[in-house]
Amino acid sequence: MATTALNVLGTPLQACSFDPLTGFFRDGCCHTRDDDTGSHVICARVTAEFLAFSRAHGNDLSTPRPDWRFAGLQPGDRWCLCALRWAQALEADVAPPVVLEACHHRALDFVSLADLQAHAWPRP
């Protein structure tokens, strides 16, 4: 029997984005499993500052890659980010806002709930 994935708040995981289609499984959600070595578990609303930071650290998320059926991200798009990249961006003070209900509970293996809540979008 399949179990429902939980988010960082302990409730059922919500979708992050269907346009652009995100997730390790490209199912719109930040689901994960052991072979997701990047742990794509944080649903973020990307910013221009974060996209520049990610590009500077070897992961260009804004350039279209038609061969991967990837149109490139624009500021404001929601995307399942690698937990460690979000943590690096937090350290650099460029962490994009997150959608708590769409962040997989395994994000808490990498970052604190308090840090995620401090970057929650929309703001409560």
PDB file of N, CA and C in Angstrom:
ATOM      1  N   MET A   1       0.839  -1.174   0.000  1.00  0.00           N
ATOM      2  CA  MET A   1       0.000   0.000   0.000  1.00  0.00           C
ATOM      3  C   MET A   1       0.888   1.242   0.000  1.00  0.00           C
ATOM      4  N   ALA A   2       0.610   2.186  -0.888  1.00  0.00           N
ATOM      5  CA  ALA A   2       1.387   3.429  -0.981  1.00  0.00           C
ATOM      6  C   ALA A   2       1.012   4.356   0.180  1.00  0.00           C
ATOM      7  N   THR A   3       2.003   5.093   0.650  1.00  0.00           N
ATOM      8  CA  THR A   3       1.745   6.062   1.704  1.00  0.00           C
ATOM      9  C   THR A   3       1.807   7.463   1.113  1.00  0.00           C
ATOM     10  N   THR A   4       1.094   8.357   1.748  1.00  0.00           N
ATOM     11  CA  THR A   4       1.104   9.750   1.310  1.00  0.00           C
ATOM     12  C   THR A   4       2.332  10.431   1.877  1.00  0.00           C
ATOM     13  N   ALA A   5       3.073  11.114   1.024  1.00  0.00           N
ATOM     14  CA  ALA A   5       4.245  11.865   1.486  1.00  0.00           C
ATOM     15  C   ALA A   5       3.767  13.044   2.323  1.00  0.00           C
ATOM     16  N   LEU A   6       4.576  13.389   3.308  1.00  0.00           N
ATOM     17  CA  LEU A   6       4.264  14.526   4.174  1.00  0.00           C
ATOM     18  C   LEU A   6       5.176  15.698   3.858  1.00  0.00           C
ATOM     19  N   ASN A   7       4.680  16.888   4.164  1.00  0.00           N
ATOM     20  CA  ASN A   7       5.496  18.091   4.016  1.00  0.00           C
ATOM     21  C   ASN A   7       6.173  18.423   5.341  1.00  0.00           C
ATOM     22  N   VAL A   8       6.903  19.524   5.378  1.00  0.00           N
ATOM     23  CA  VAL A   8       7.657  19.904   6.577  1.00  0.00           C
ATOM     24  C   VAL A   8       6.754  20.285   7.739  1.00  0.00           C
ATOM     25  N   LEU A   9       5.474  20.493   7.478  1.00  0.00           N
ATOM     26  CA  LEU A   9       4.515  20.827   8.530  1.00  0.00           C
ATOM     27  C   LEU A   9       3.812  19.591   9.071  1.00  0.00           C
ATOM     28  N   GLY A  10       4.113  18.425   8.471  1.00  0.00           N
ATOM     29  CA  GLY A  10       3.514  17.174   8.913  1.00  0.00           C
ATOM     30  C   GLY A  10       2.158  16.883   8.295  1.00  0.00           C
ATOM     31  N   THR A  11       1.780  17.631   7.275  1.00  0.00           N
ATOM     32  CA  THR A  11       0.522  17.410   6.569  1.00  0.00           C
ATOM     33  C   THR A  11       0.834  16.871   5.170  1.00  0.00           C
ATOM     34  N   PRO A  12      -0.186  16.390   4.430  1.00  0.00           N
ATOM     35  CA  PRO A  12       0.100  15.838   3.097  1.00  0.00           C
ATOM     36  C   PRO A  12       0.829  16.837   2.186  1.00  0.00           C
ATOM     37  N   LEU A  13       1.817  16.326   1.478  1.00  0.00           N
ATOM     38  CA  LEU A  13       2.614  17.125   0.549  1.00  0.00           C
ATOM     39  C   LEU A  13       1.731  17.671  -0.561  1.00  0.00           C
ATOM     40  N   GLN A  14       1.824  18.974  -0.793  1.00  0.00           N
ATOM     41  CA  GLN A  14       1.065  19.639  -1.855  1.00  0.00           C
ATOM     42  C   GLN A  14       1.949  19.785  -3.097  1.00  0.00           C
ATOM     43  N   ALA A  15       1.324  20.026  -4.229  1.00  0.00           N
ATOM     44  CA  ALA A  15       2.061  20.231  -5.477  1.00  0.00           C
ATOM     45  C   ALA A  15       2.869  21.520  -5.401  1.00  0.00           C
ATOM     46  N   CYS A  16       4.004  21.524  -6.076  1.00  0.00           N
ATOM     47  CA  CYS A  16       4.864  22.708  -6.150  1.00  0.00           C
ATOM     48  C   CYS A  16       4.568  23.484  -7.436  1.00  0.00           C
ATOM     49  N   SER A  17       4.653  22.823  -8.591  1.00  0.00           N
ATOM     50  CA  SER A  17       4.393  23.508  -9.860  1.00  0.00           C
ATOM     51  C   SER A  17       4.161  22.502 -10.983  1.00  0.00           C
ATOM     52  N   PHE A  18       3.146  22.803 -11.783  1.00  0.00           N
ATOM     53  CA  PHE A  18       2.896  22.032 -13.000  1.00  0.00           C
ATOM     54  C   PHE A  18       3.322  22.813 -14.238  1.00  0.00           C
ATOM     55  N   ASP A  19       3.588  24.117 -14.064  1.00  0.00           N
ATOM     56  CA  ASP A  19       4.040  24.957 -15.175  1.00  0.00           C
ATOM     57  C   ASP A  19       4.963  26.038 -14.629  1.00  0.00           C
ATOM     58  N   PRO A  20       6.277  25.811 -14.658  1.00  0.00           N
ATOM     59  CA  PRO A  20       6.950  24.675 -15.272  1.00  0.00           C
ATOM     60  C   PRO A  20       6.767  23.407 -14.445  1.00  0.00           C
ATOM     61  N   LEU A  21       6.824  22.270 -15.133  1.00  0.00           N
ATOM     62  CA  LEU A  21       6.668  20.976 -14.485  1.00  0.00           C
ATOM     63  C   LEU A  21       7.942  20.643 -13.724  1.00  0.00           C
ATOM     64  N   THR A  22       7.814  20.502 -12.417  1.00  0.00           N
ATOM     65  CA  THR A  22       8.977  20.328 -11.557  1.00  0.00           C
ATOM     66  C   THR A  22       8.966  18.977 -10.874  1.00  0.00           C
ATOM     67  N   GLY A  23       9.981  18.753 -10.072  1.00  0.00           N
ATOM     68  CA  GLY A  23      10.106  17.551  -9.262  1.00  0.00           C
ATOM     69  C   GLY A  23      11.088  16.562  -9.853  1.00  0.00           C
ATOM     70  N   PHE A  24      11.699  15.793  -8.982  1.00  0.00           N
ATOM     71  CA  PHE A  24      12.634  14.747  -9.404  1.00  0.00           C
ATOM     72  C   PHE A  24      11.963  13.808 -10.405  1.00  0.00           C
ATOM     73  N   PHE A  25      10.667  13.555 -10.205  1.00  0.00           N
ATOM     74  CA  PHE A  25       9.914  12.664 -11.078  1.00  0.00           C
ATOM     75  C   PHE A  25       9.134  13.434 -12.151  1.00  0.00           C
ATOM     76  N   ARG A  26       9.280  14.758 -12.185  1.00  0.00           N
ATOM     77  CA  ARG A  26       8.523  15.640 -13.081  1.00  0.00           C
ATOM     78  C   ARG A  26       7.026  15.333 -12.956  1.00  0.00           C
ATOM     79  N   ASP A  27       6.577  15.307 -11.689  1.00  0.00           N
ATOM     80  CA  ASP A  27       5.168  15.073 -11.396  1.00  0.00           C
ATOM     81  C   ASP A  27       4.522  16.284 -10.734  1.00  0.00           C
ATOM     82  N   GLY A  28       5.269  17.414 -10.669  1.00  0.00           N
ATOM     83  CA  GLY A  28       4.745  18.628 -10.072  1.00  0.00           C
ATOM     84  C   GLY A  28       4.961  18.746  -8.584  1.00  0.00           C
ATOM     85  N   CYS A  29       5.449  17.673  -7.961  1.00  0.00           N
ATOM     86  CA  CYS A  29       5.656  17.649  -6.509  1.00  0.00           C
ATOM     87  C   CYS A  29       7.120  17.389  -6.180  1.00  0.00           C
ATOM     88  N   CYS A  30       7.501  17.764  -4.967  1.00  0.00           N
ATOM     89  CA  CYS A  30       8.886  17.566  -4.523  1.00  0.00           C
ATOM     90  C   CYS A  30       9.056  16.204  -3.850  1.00  0.00           C
ATOM     91  N   HIS A  31       8.499  15.154  -4.505  1.00  0.00           N
ATOM     92  CA  HIS A  31       8.696  13.785  -4.018  1.00  0.00           C
ATOM     93  C   HIS A  31      10.167  13.416  -4.155  1.00  0.00           C
ATOM     94  N   THR A  32      10.589  12.437  -3.377  1.00  0.00           N
ATOM     95  CA  THR A  32      11.981  12.001  -3.435  1.00  0.00           C
ATOM     96  C   THR A  32      12.058  10.511  -3.126  1.00  0.00           C
ATOM     97  N   ARG A  33      13.214   9.954  -3.357  1.00  0.00           N
ATOM     98  CA  ARG A  33      13.539   8.588  -2.950  1.00  0.00           C
ATOM     99  C   ARG A  33      15.056   8.508  -2.867  1.00  0.00           C
ATOM    100  N   ASP A  34      15.565   7.383  -2.471  1.00  0.00           N
ATOM    101  CA  ASP A  34      16.997   7.259  -2.191  1.00  0.00           C
ATOM    102  C   ASP A  34      17.902   7.579  -3.374  1.00  0.00           C
ATOM    103  N   ASP A  35      17.463   7.330  -4.611  1.00  0.00           N
ATOM    104  CA  ASP A  35      18.343   7.617  -5.745  1.00  0.00           C
ATOM    105  C   ASP A  35      18.257   9.079  -6.202  1.00  0.00           C
ATOM    106  N   ASP A  36      17.497   9.906  -5.502  1.00  0.00           N
ATOM    107  CA  ASP A  36      17.477  11.359  -5.745  1.00  0.00           C
ATOM    108  C   ASP A  36      18.651  11.942  -4.970  1.00  0.00           C
ATOM    109  N   THR A  37      19.838  11.824  -5.545  1.00  0.00           N
ATOM    110  CA  THR A  37      21.052  12.234  -4.830  1.00  0.00           C
ATOM    111  C   THR A  37      21.091  13.726  -4.544  1.00  0.00           C
ATOM    112  N   GLY A  38      20.333  14.528  -5.284  1.00  0.00           N
ATOM    113  CA  GLY A  38      20.281  15.966  -5.031  1.00  0.00           C
ATOM    114  C   GLY A  38      19.243  16.349  -3.993  1.00  0.00           C
ATOM    115  N   SER A  39      18.405  15.405  -3.608  1.00  0.00           N
ATOM    116  CA  SER A  39      17.319  15.676  -2.663  1.00  0.00           C
ATOM    117  C   SER A  39      16.541  16.926  -3.064  1.00  0.00           C
ATOM    118  N   HIS A  40      15.801  16.816  -4.149  1.00  0.00           N
ATOM    119  CA  HIS A  40      14.996  17.911  -4.706  1.00  0.00           C
ATOM    120  C   HIS A  40      13.703  18.058  -3.896  1.00  0.00           C
ATOM    121  N   VAL A  41      13.824  18.542  -2.671  1.00  0.00           N
ATOM    122  CA  VAL A  41      12.727  18.480  -1.707  1.00  0.00           C
ATOM    123  C   VAL A  41      12.213  19.840  -1.236  1.00  0.00           C
ATOM    124  N   ILE A  42      12.820  20.923  -1.693  1.00  0.00           N
ATOM    125  CA  ILE A  42      12.397  22.254  -1.252  1.00  0.00           C
ATOM    126  C   ILE A  42      11.707  22.980  -2.404  1.00  0.00           C
ATOM    127  N   CYS A  43      10.427  23.262  -2.206  1.00  0.00           N
ATOM    128  CA  CYS A  43       9.652  24.001  -3.205  1.00  0.00           C
ATOM    129  C   CYS A  43       9.899  25.487  -2.982  1.00  0.00           C
ATOM    130  N   ALA A  44      10.573  26.089  -3.935  1.00  0.00           N
ATOM    131  CA  ALA A  44      10.925  27.512  -3.815  1.00  0.00           C
ATOM    132  C   ALA A  44      10.316  28.312  -4.950  1.00  0.00           C
ATOM    133  N   ARG A  45      10.100  29.561  -4.659  1.00  0.00           N
ATOM    134  CA  ARG A  45       9.691  30.546  -5.680  1.00  0.00           C
ATOM    135  C   ARG A  45      10.977  31.279  -6.035  1.00  0.00           C
ATOM    136  N   VAL A  46      11.593  30.904  -7.162  1.00  0.00           N
ATOM    137  CA  VAL A  46      12.937  31.385  -7.472  1.00  0.00           C
ATOM    138  C   VAL A  46      12.958  32.888  -7.720  1.00  0.00           C
ATOM    139  N   THR A  47      14.090  33.468  -7.364  1.00  0.00           N
ATOM    140  CA  THR A  47      14.331  34.900  -7.560  1.00  0.00           C
ATOM    141  C   THR A  47      15.487  35.074  -8.531  1.00  0.00           C
ATOM    142  N   ALA A  48      15.630  36.272  -9.079  1.00  0.00           N
ATOM    143  CA  ALA A  48      16.757  36.571  -9.967  1.00  0.00           C
ATOM    144  C   ALA A  48      18.077  36.374  -9.224  1.00  0.00           C
ATOM    145  N   GLU A  49      18.120  36.777  -7.954  1.00  0.00           N
ATOM    146  CA  GLU A  49      19.349  36.633  -7.162  1.00  0.00           C
ATOM    147  C   GLU A  49      19.706  35.166  -6.974  1.00  0.00           C
ATOM    148  N   PHE A  50      18.706  34.342  -6.697  1.00  0.00           N
ATOM    149  CA  PHE A  50      18.985  32.921  -6.524  1.00  0.00           C
ATOM    150  C   PHE A  50      19.423  32.287  -7.839  1.00  0.00           C
ATOM    151  N   LEU A  51      18.757  32.625  -8.941  1.00  0.00           N
ATOM    152  CA  LEU A  51      19.135  32.042 -10.231  1.00  0.00           C
ATOM    153  C   LEU A  51      20.580  32.392 -10.589  1.00  0.00           C
ATOM    154  N   ALA A  52      21.000  33.625 -10.321  1.00  0.00           N
ATOM    155  CA  ALA A  52      22.393  34.030 -10.567  1.00  0.00           C
ATOM    156  C   ALA A  52      23.342  33.259  -9.654  1.00  0.00           C
ATOM    157  N   PHE A  53      22.954  33.102  -8.389  1.00  0.00           N
ATOM    158  CA  PHE A  53      23.767  32.347  -7.429  1.00  0.00           C
ATOM    159  C   PHE A  53      23.922  30.891  -7.890  1.00  0.00           C
ATOM    160  N   SER A  54      22.829  30.271  -8.275  1.00  0.00           N
ATOM    161  CA  SER A  54      22.878  28.879  -8.708  1.00  0.00           C
ATOM    162  C   SER A  54      23.742  28.716  -9.956  1.00  0.00           C
ATOM    163  N   ARG A  55      23.589  29.633 -10.921  1.00  0.00           N
ATOM    164  CA  ARG A  55      24.419  29.592 -12.142  1.00  0.00           C
ATOM    165  C   ARG A  55      25.895  29.715 -11.776  1.00  0.00           C
ATOM    166  N   ALA A  56      26.220  30.621 -10.849  1.00  0.00           N
ATOM    167  CA  ALA A  56      27.614  30.827 -10.442  1.00  0.00           C
ATOM    168  C   ALA A  56      28.184  29.606  -9.722  1.00  0.00           C
ATOM    169  N   HIS A  57      27.298  28.760  -9.206  1.00  0.00           N
ATOM    170  CA  HIS A  57      27.737  27.554  -8.499  1.00  0.00           C
ATOM    171  C   HIS A  57      27.531  26.286  -9.330  1.00  0.00           C
ATOM    172  N   GLY A  58      27.433  26.454 -10.652  1.00  0.00           N
ATOM    173  CA  GLY A  58      27.452  25.312 -11.554  1.00  0.00           C
ATOM    174  C   GLY A  58      26.117  24.717 -11.942  1.00  0.00           C
ATOM    175  N   ASN A  59      24.999  25.329 -11.543  1.00  0.00           N
ATOM    176  CA  ASN A  59      23.705  24.796 -11.942  1.00  0.00           C
ATOM    177  C   ASN A  59      22.863  25.925 -12.543  1.00  0.00           C
ATOM    178  N   ASP A  60      22.953  26.065 -13.855  1.00  0.00           N
ATOM    179  CA  ASP A  60      22.238  27.111 -14.585  1.00  0.00           C
ATOM    180  C   ASP A  60      20.790  26.672 -14.787  1.00  0.00           C
ATOM    181  N   LEU A  61      19.906  27.269 -14.002  1.00  0.00           N
ATOM    182  CA  LEU A  61      18.485  26.931 -14.070  1.00  0.00           C
ATOM    183  C   LEU A  61      17.692  27.872 -14.968  1.00  0.00           C
ATOM    184  N   SER A  62      18.329  28.905 -15.502  1.00  0.00           N
ATOM    185  CA  SER A  62      17.593  29.878 -16.297  1.00  0.00           C
ATOM    186  C   SER A  62      17.763  29.718 -17.805  1.00  0.00           C
ATOM    187  N   THR A  63      18.780  29.015 -18.234  1.00  0.00           N
ATOM    188  CA  THR A  63      18.991  28.813 -19.667  1.00  0.00           C
ATOM    189  C   THR A  63      18.129  27.659 -20.176  1.00  0.00           C
ATOM    190  N   PRO A  64      17.347  27.891 -21.231  1.00  0.00           N
ATOM    191  CA  PRO A  64      16.538  26.800 -21.791  1.00  0.00           C
ATOM    192  C   PRO A  64      17.421  25.648 -22.277  1.00  0.00           C
ATOM    193  N   ARG A  65      16.937  24.443 -22.079  1.00  0.00           N
ATOM    194  CA  ARG A  65      17.603  23.221 -22.526  1.00  0.00           C
ATOM    195  C   ARG A  65      16.559  22.365 -23.255  1.00  0.00           C
ATOM    196  N   PRO A  66      16.297  22.698 -24.519  1.00  0.00           N
ATOM    197  CA  PRO A  66      15.249  21.977 -25.256  1.00  0.00           C
ATOM    198  C   PRO A  66      15.470  20.466 -25.286  1.00  0.00           C
ATOM    199  N   ASP A  67      16.735  20.028 -25.316  1.00  0.00           N
ATOM    200  CA  ASP A  67      17.023  18.595 -25.345  1.00  0.00           C
ATOM    201  C   ASP A  67      16.563  17.895 -24.071  1.00  0.00           C
ATOM    202  N   TRP A  68      16.382  18.636 -22.997  1.00  0.00           N
ATOM    203  CA  TRP A  68      15.872  18.088 -21.726  1.00  0.00           C
ATOM    204  C   TRP A  68      14.414  18.471 -21.510  1.00  0.00           C
ATOM    205  N   ARG A  69      13.802  19.104 -22.529  1.00  0.00           N
ATOM    206  CA  ARG A  69      12.435  19.627 -22.418  1.00  0.00           C
ATOM    207  C   ARG A  69      12.322  20.585 -21.226  1.00  0.00           C
ATOM    208  N   PHE A  70      13.330  21.471 -21.126  1.00  0.00           N
ATOM    209  CA  PHE A  70      13.410  22.438 -20.027  1.00  0.00           C
ATOM    210  C   PHE A  70      13.470  23.835 -20.614  1.00  0.00           C
ATOM    211  N   ALA A  71      12.463  24.644 -20.315  1.00  0.00           N
ATOM    212  CA  ALA A  71      12.365  25.985 -20.893  1.00  0.00           C
ATOM    213  C   ALA A  71      13.204  27.020 -20.159  1.00  0.00           C
ATOM    214  N   GLY A  72      13.784  26.658 -19.018  1.00  0.00           N
ATOM    215  CA  GLY A  72      14.522  27.618 -18.207  1.00  0.00           C
ATOM    216  C   GLY A  72      13.576  28.315 -17.249  1.00  0.00           C
ATOM    217  N   LEU A  73      14.068  28.619 -16.077  1.00  0.00           N
ATOM    218  CA  LEU A  73      13.243  29.256 -15.055  1.00  0.00           C
ATOM    219  C   LEU A  73      13.341  30.771 -15.133  1.00  0.00           C
ATOM    220  N   GLN A  74      12.265  31.412 -14.746  1.00  0.00           N
ATOM    221  CA  GLN A  74      12.179  32.860 -14.652  1.00  0.00           C
ATOM    222  C   GLN A  74      11.888  33.214 -13.195  1.00  0.00           C
ATOM    223  N   PRO A  75      12.320  34.393 -12.737  1.00  0.00           N
ATOM    224  CA  PRO A  75      11.957  34.802 -11.375  1.00  0.00           C
ATOM    225  C   PRO A  75      10.439  34.687 -11.177  1.00  0.00           C
ATOM    226  N   GLY A  76      10.068  34.120 -10.048  1.00  0.00           N
ATOM    227  CA  GLY A  76       8.658  33.900  -9.736  1.00  0.00           C
ATOM    228  C   GLY A  76       8.198  32.477  -9.992  1.00  0.00           C
ATOM    229  N   ASP A  77       8.933  31.720 -10.819  1.00  0.00           N
ATOM    230  CA  ASP A  77       8.588  30.315 -11.042  1.00  0.00           C
ATOM    231  C   ASP A  77       8.805  29.524  -9.762  1.00  0.00           C
ATOM    232  N   ARG A  78       7.986  28.510  -9.562  1.00  0.00           N
ATOM    233  CA  ARG A  78       8.170  27.600  -8.432  1.00  0.00           C
ATOM    234  C   ARG A  78       8.882  26.352  -8.935  1.00  0.00           C
ATOM    235  N   TRP A  79       9.838  25.851  -8.129  1.00  0.00           N
ATOM    236  CA  TRP A  79      10.696  24.756  -8.567  1.00  0.00           C
ATOM    237  C   TRP A  79      11.153  23.960  -7.357  1.00  0.00           C
ATOM    238  N   CYS A  80      11.269  22.655  -7.504  1.00  0.00           N
ATOM    239  CA  CYS A  80      11.804  21.792  -6.446  1.00  0.00           C
ATOM    240  C   CYS A  80      13.324  21.878  -6.471  1.00  0.00           C
ATOM    241  N   LEU A  81      13.873  22.540  -5.477  1.00  0.00           N
ATOM    242  CA  LEU A  81      15.324  22.738  -5.397  1.00  0.00           C
ATOM    243  C   LEU A  81      15.998  21.648  -4.583  1.00  0.00           C
ATOM    244  N   CYS A  82      17.279  21.448  -4.888  1.00  0.00           N
ATOM    245  CA  CYS A  82      18.112  20.576  -4.063  1.00  0.00           C
ATOM    246  C   CYS A  82      18.264  21.230  -2.693  1.00  0.00           C
ATOM    247  N   ALA A  83      18.087  20.437  -1.670  1.00  0.00           N
ATOM    248  CA  ALA A  83      18.131  20.964  -0.300  1.00  0.00           C
ATOM    249  C   ALA A  83      19.476  21.623   0.010  1.00  0.00           C
ATOM    250  N   LEU A  84      20.563  21.009  -0.409  1.00  0.00           N
ATOM    251  CA  LEU A  84      21.875  21.589  -0.095  1.00  0.00           C
ATOM    252  C   LEU A  84      22.118  22.897  -0.841  1.00  0.00           C
ATOM    253  N   ARG A  85      21.577  23.031  -2.059  1.00  0.00           N
ATOM    254  CA  ARG A  85      21.727  24.304  -2.794  1.00  0.00           C
ATOM    255  C   ARG A  85      20.949  25.400  -2.066  1.00  0.00           C
ATOM    256  N   TRP A  86      19.743  25.085  -1.571  1.00  0.00           N
ATOM    257  CA  TRP A  86      18.974  26.078  -0.836  1.00  0.00           C
ATOM    258  C   TRP A  86      19.723  26.459   0.442  1.00  0.00           C
ATOM    259  N   ALA A  87      20.328  25.478   1.112  1.00  0.00           N
ATOM    260  CA  ALA A  87      21.102  25.765   2.327  1.00  0.00           C
ATOM    261  C   ALA A  87      22.298  26.657   2.001  1.00  0.00           C
ATOM    262  N   GLN A  88      22.967  26.407   0.883  1.00  0.00           N
ATOM    263  CA  GLN A  88      24.081  27.264   0.461  1.00  0.00           C
ATOM    264  C   GLN A  88      23.586  28.680   0.191  1.00  0.00           C
ATOM    265  N   ALA A  89      22.449  28.795  -0.461  1.00  0.00           N
ATOM    266  CA  ALA A  89      21.884  30.111  -0.750  1.00  0.00           C
ATOM    267  C   ALA A  89      21.491  30.817   0.544  1.00  0.00           C
ATOM    268  N   LEU A  90      21.020  30.077   1.512  1.00  0.00           N
ATOM    269  CA  LEU A  90      20.693  30.653   2.818  1.00  0.00           C
ATOM    270  C   LEU A  90      21.942  31.257   3.450  1.00  0.00           C
ATOM    271  N   GLU A  91      23.031  30.522   3.415  1.00  0.00           N
ATOM    272  CA  GLU A  91      24.311  31.010   3.956  1.00  0.00           C
ATOM    273  C   GLU A  91      24.768  32.278   3.234  1.00  0.00           C
ATOM    274  N   ALA A  92      24.485  32.356   1.936  1.00  0.00           N
ATOM    275  CA  ALA A  92      24.898  33.509   1.130  1.00  0.00           C
ATOM    276  C   ALA A  92      23.859  34.636   1.146  1.00  0.00           C
ATOM    277  N   ASP A  93      22.806  34.457   1.917  1.00  0.00           N
ATOM    278  CA  ASP A  93      21.732  35.458   2.055  1.00  0.00           C
ATOM    279  C   ASP A  93      20.978  35.703   0.750  1.00  0.00           C
ATOM    280  N   VAL A  94      20.831  34.651  -0.076  1.00  0.00           N
ATOM    281  CA  VAL A  94      20.055  34.751  -1.309  1.00  0.00           C
ATOM    282  C   VAL A  94      19.045  33.606  -1.435  1.00  0.00           C
ATOM    283  N   ALA A  95      18.679  33.005  -0.305  1.00  0.00           N
ATOM    284  CA  ALA A  95      17.717  31.901  -0.345  1.00  0.00           C
ATOM    285  C   ALA A  95      16.366  32.407  -0.833  1.00  0.00           C
ATOM    286  N   PRO A  96      15.802  31.731  -1.821  1.00  0.00           N
ATOM    287  CA  PRO A  96      14.493  32.151  -2.311  1.00  0.00           C
ATOM    288  C   PRO A  96      13.394  31.731  -1.329  1.00  0.00           C
ATOM    289  N   PRO A  97      12.241  32.395  -1.402  1.00  0.00           N
ATOM    290  CA  PRO A  97      11.132  32.005  -0.537  1.00  0.00           C
ATOM    291  C   PRO A  97      10.655  30.590  -0.867  1.00  0.00           C
ATOM    292  N   VAL A  98      10.083  29.932   0.134  1.00  0.00           N
ATOM    293  CA  VAL A  98       9.638  28.549  -0.013  1.00  0.00           C
ATOM    294  C   VAL A  98       8.138  28.424   0.249  1.00  0.00           C
ATOM    295  N   VAL A  99       7.556  27.396  -0.334  1.00  0.00           N
ATOM    296  CA  VAL A  99       6.156  27.060  -0.112  1.00  0.00           C
ATOM    297  C   VAL A  99       6.164  25.874   0.850  1.00  0.00           C
ATOM    298  N   LEU A 100       5.936  26.142   2.121  1.00  0.00           N
ATOM    299  CA  LEU A 100       6.065  25.117   3.162  1.00  0.00           C
ATOM    300  C   LEU A 100       5.231  23.875   2.888  1.00  0.00           C
ATOM    301  N   GLU A 101       4.005  24.072   2.440  1.00  0.00           N
ATOM    302  CA  GLU A 101       3.107  22.939   2.204  1.00  0.00           C
ATOM    303  C   GLU A 101       3.591  22.030   1.081  1.00  0.00           C
ATOM    304  N   ALA A 102       4.499  22.532   0.241  1.00  0.00           N
ATOM    305  CA  ALA A 102       5.003  21.771  -0.898  1.00  0.00           C
ATOM    306  C   ALA A 102       6.453  21.312  -0.709  1.00  0.00           C
ATOM    307  N   CYS A 103       7.043  21.583   0.464  1.00  0.00           N
ATOM    308  CA  CYS A 103       8.399  21.108   0.779  1.00  0.00           C
ATOM    309  C   CYS A 103       8.305  19.742   1.441  1.00  0.00           C
ATOM    310  N   HIS A 104       8.942  18.755   0.862  1.00  0.00           N
ATOM    311  CA  HIS A 104       8.934  17.384   1.394  1.00  0.00           C
ATOM    312  C   HIS A 104       9.568  17.362   2.780  1.00  0.00           C
ATOM    313  N   HIS A 105       9.030  16.529   3.658  1.00  0.00           N
ATOM    314  CA  HIS A 105       9.533  16.476   5.040  1.00  0.00           C
ATOM    315  C   HIS A 105      11.019  16.142   5.130  1.00  0.00           C
ATOM    316  N   ARG A 106      11.586  15.490   4.116  1.00  0.00           N
ATOM    317  CA  ARG A 106      13.019  15.178   4.155  1.00  0.00           C
ATOM    318  C   ARG A 106      13.896  16.415   4.024  1.00  0.00           C
ATOM    319  N   ALA A 107      13.306  17.556   3.697  1.00  0.00           N
ATOM    320  CA  ALA A 107      14.068  18.806   3.699  1.00  0.00           C
ATOM    321  C   ALA A 107      14.633  19.072   5.087  1.00  0.00           C
ATOM    322  N   LEU A 108      13.932  18.589   6.105  1.00  0.00           N
ATOM    323  CA  LEU A 108      14.370  18.815   7.489  1.00  0.00           C
ATOM    324  C   LEU A 108      15.625  18.028   7.842  1.00  0.00           C
ATOM    325  N   ASP A 109      16.055  17.121   6.970  1.00  0.00           N
ATOM    326  CA  ASP A 109      17.345  16.434   7.144  1.00  0.00           C
ATOM    327  C   ASP A 109      18.502  17.376   6.824  1.00  0.00           C
ATOM    328  N   PHE A 110      18.203  18.493   6.154  1.00  0.00           N
ATOM    329  CA  PHE A 110      19.236  19.398   5.664  1.00  0.00           C
ATOM    330  C   PHE A 110      19.159  20.812   6.237  1.00  0.00           C
ATOM    331  N   VAL A 111      17.950  21.273   6.501  1.00  0.00           N
ATOM    332  CA  VAL A 111      17.727  22.635   7.001  1.00  0.00           C
ATOM    333  C   VAL A 111      16.685  22.602   8.103  1.00  0.00           C
ATOM    334  N   SER A 112      16.662  23.635   8.907  1.00  0.00           N
ATOM    335  CA  SER A 112      15.712  23.665  10.015  1.00  0.00           C
ATOM    336  C   SER A 112      14.349  24.188   9.568  1.00  0.00           C
ATOM    337  N   LEU A 113      13.334  23.745  10.289  1.00  0.00           N
ATOM    338  CA  LEU A 113      11.996  24.259  10.029  1.00  0.00           C
ATOM    339  C   LEU A 113      11.954  25.768  10.271  1.00  0.00           C
ATOM    340  N   ALA A 114      12.683  26.231  11.270  1.00  0.00           N
ATOM    341  CA  ALA A 114      12.708  27.673  11.562  1.00  0.00           C
ATOM    342  C   ALA A 114      13.248  28.459  10.372  1.00  0.00           C
ATOM    343  N   ASP A 115      14.309  27.964   9.719  1.00  0.00           N
ATOM    344  CA  ASP A 115      14.853  28.664   8.542  1.00  0.00           C
ATOM    345  C   ASP A 115      13.849  28.648   7.395  1.00  0.00           C
ATOM    346  N   LEU A 116      13.187  27.515   7.195  1.00  0.00           N
ATOM    347  CA  LEU A 116      12.177  27.455   6.137  1.00  0.00           C
ATOM    348  C   LEU A 116      11.020  28.404   6.448  1.00  0.00           C
ATOM    349  N   GLN A 117      10.559  28.404   7.690  1.00  0.00           N
ATOM    350  CA  GLN A 117       9.456  29.285   8.070  1.00  0.00           C
ATOM    351  C   GLN A 117       9.828  30.758   7.906  1.00  0.00           C
ATOM    352  N   ALA A 118      11.082  31.087   8.177  1.00  0.00           N
ATOM    353  CA  ALA A 118      11.531  32.484   8.025  1.00  0.00           C
ATOM    354  C   ALA A 118      11.511  32.921   6.561  1.00  0.00           C
ATOM    355  N   HIS A 119      11.497  31.939   5.638  1.00  0.00           N
ATOM    356  CA  HIS A 119      11.489  32.233   4.197  1.00  0.00           C
ATOM    357  C   HIS A 119      10.192  31.800   3.537  1.00  0.00           C
ATOM    358  N   ALA A 120       9.147  31.618   4.327  1.00  0.00           N
ATOM    359  CA  ALA A 120       7.871  31.136   3.812  1.00  0.00           C
ATOM    360  C   ALA A 120       7.247  32.118   2.828  1.00  0.00           C
ATOM    361  N   TRP A 121       6.634  31.569   1.770  1.00  0.00           N
ATOM    362  CA  TRP A 121       5.875  32.345   0.806  1.00  0.00           C
ATOM    363  C   TRP A 121       4.563  31.636   0.560  1.00  0.00           C
ATOM    364  N   PRO A 122       3.450  32.265   0.527  1.00  0.00           N
ATOM    365  CA  PRO A 122       3.341  33.694   0.854  1.00  0.00           C
ATOM    366  C   PRO A 122       3.552  33.914   2.335  1.00  0.00           C
ATOM    367  N   ARG A 123       3.902  35.136   2.665  1.00  0.00           N
ATOM    368  CA  ARG A 123       4.130  35.503   4.066  1.00  0.00           C
ATOM    369  C   ARG A 123       2.831  35.370   4.836  1.00  0.00           C
ATOM    370  N   PRO A 124       2.863  34.740   6.025  1.00  0.00           N
ATOM    371  CA  PRO A 124       1.647  34.625   6.844  1.00  0.00           C
ATOM    372  C   PRO A 124       1.182  35.987   7.353  1.00  0.00           C
TER     373      PRO A 124
END
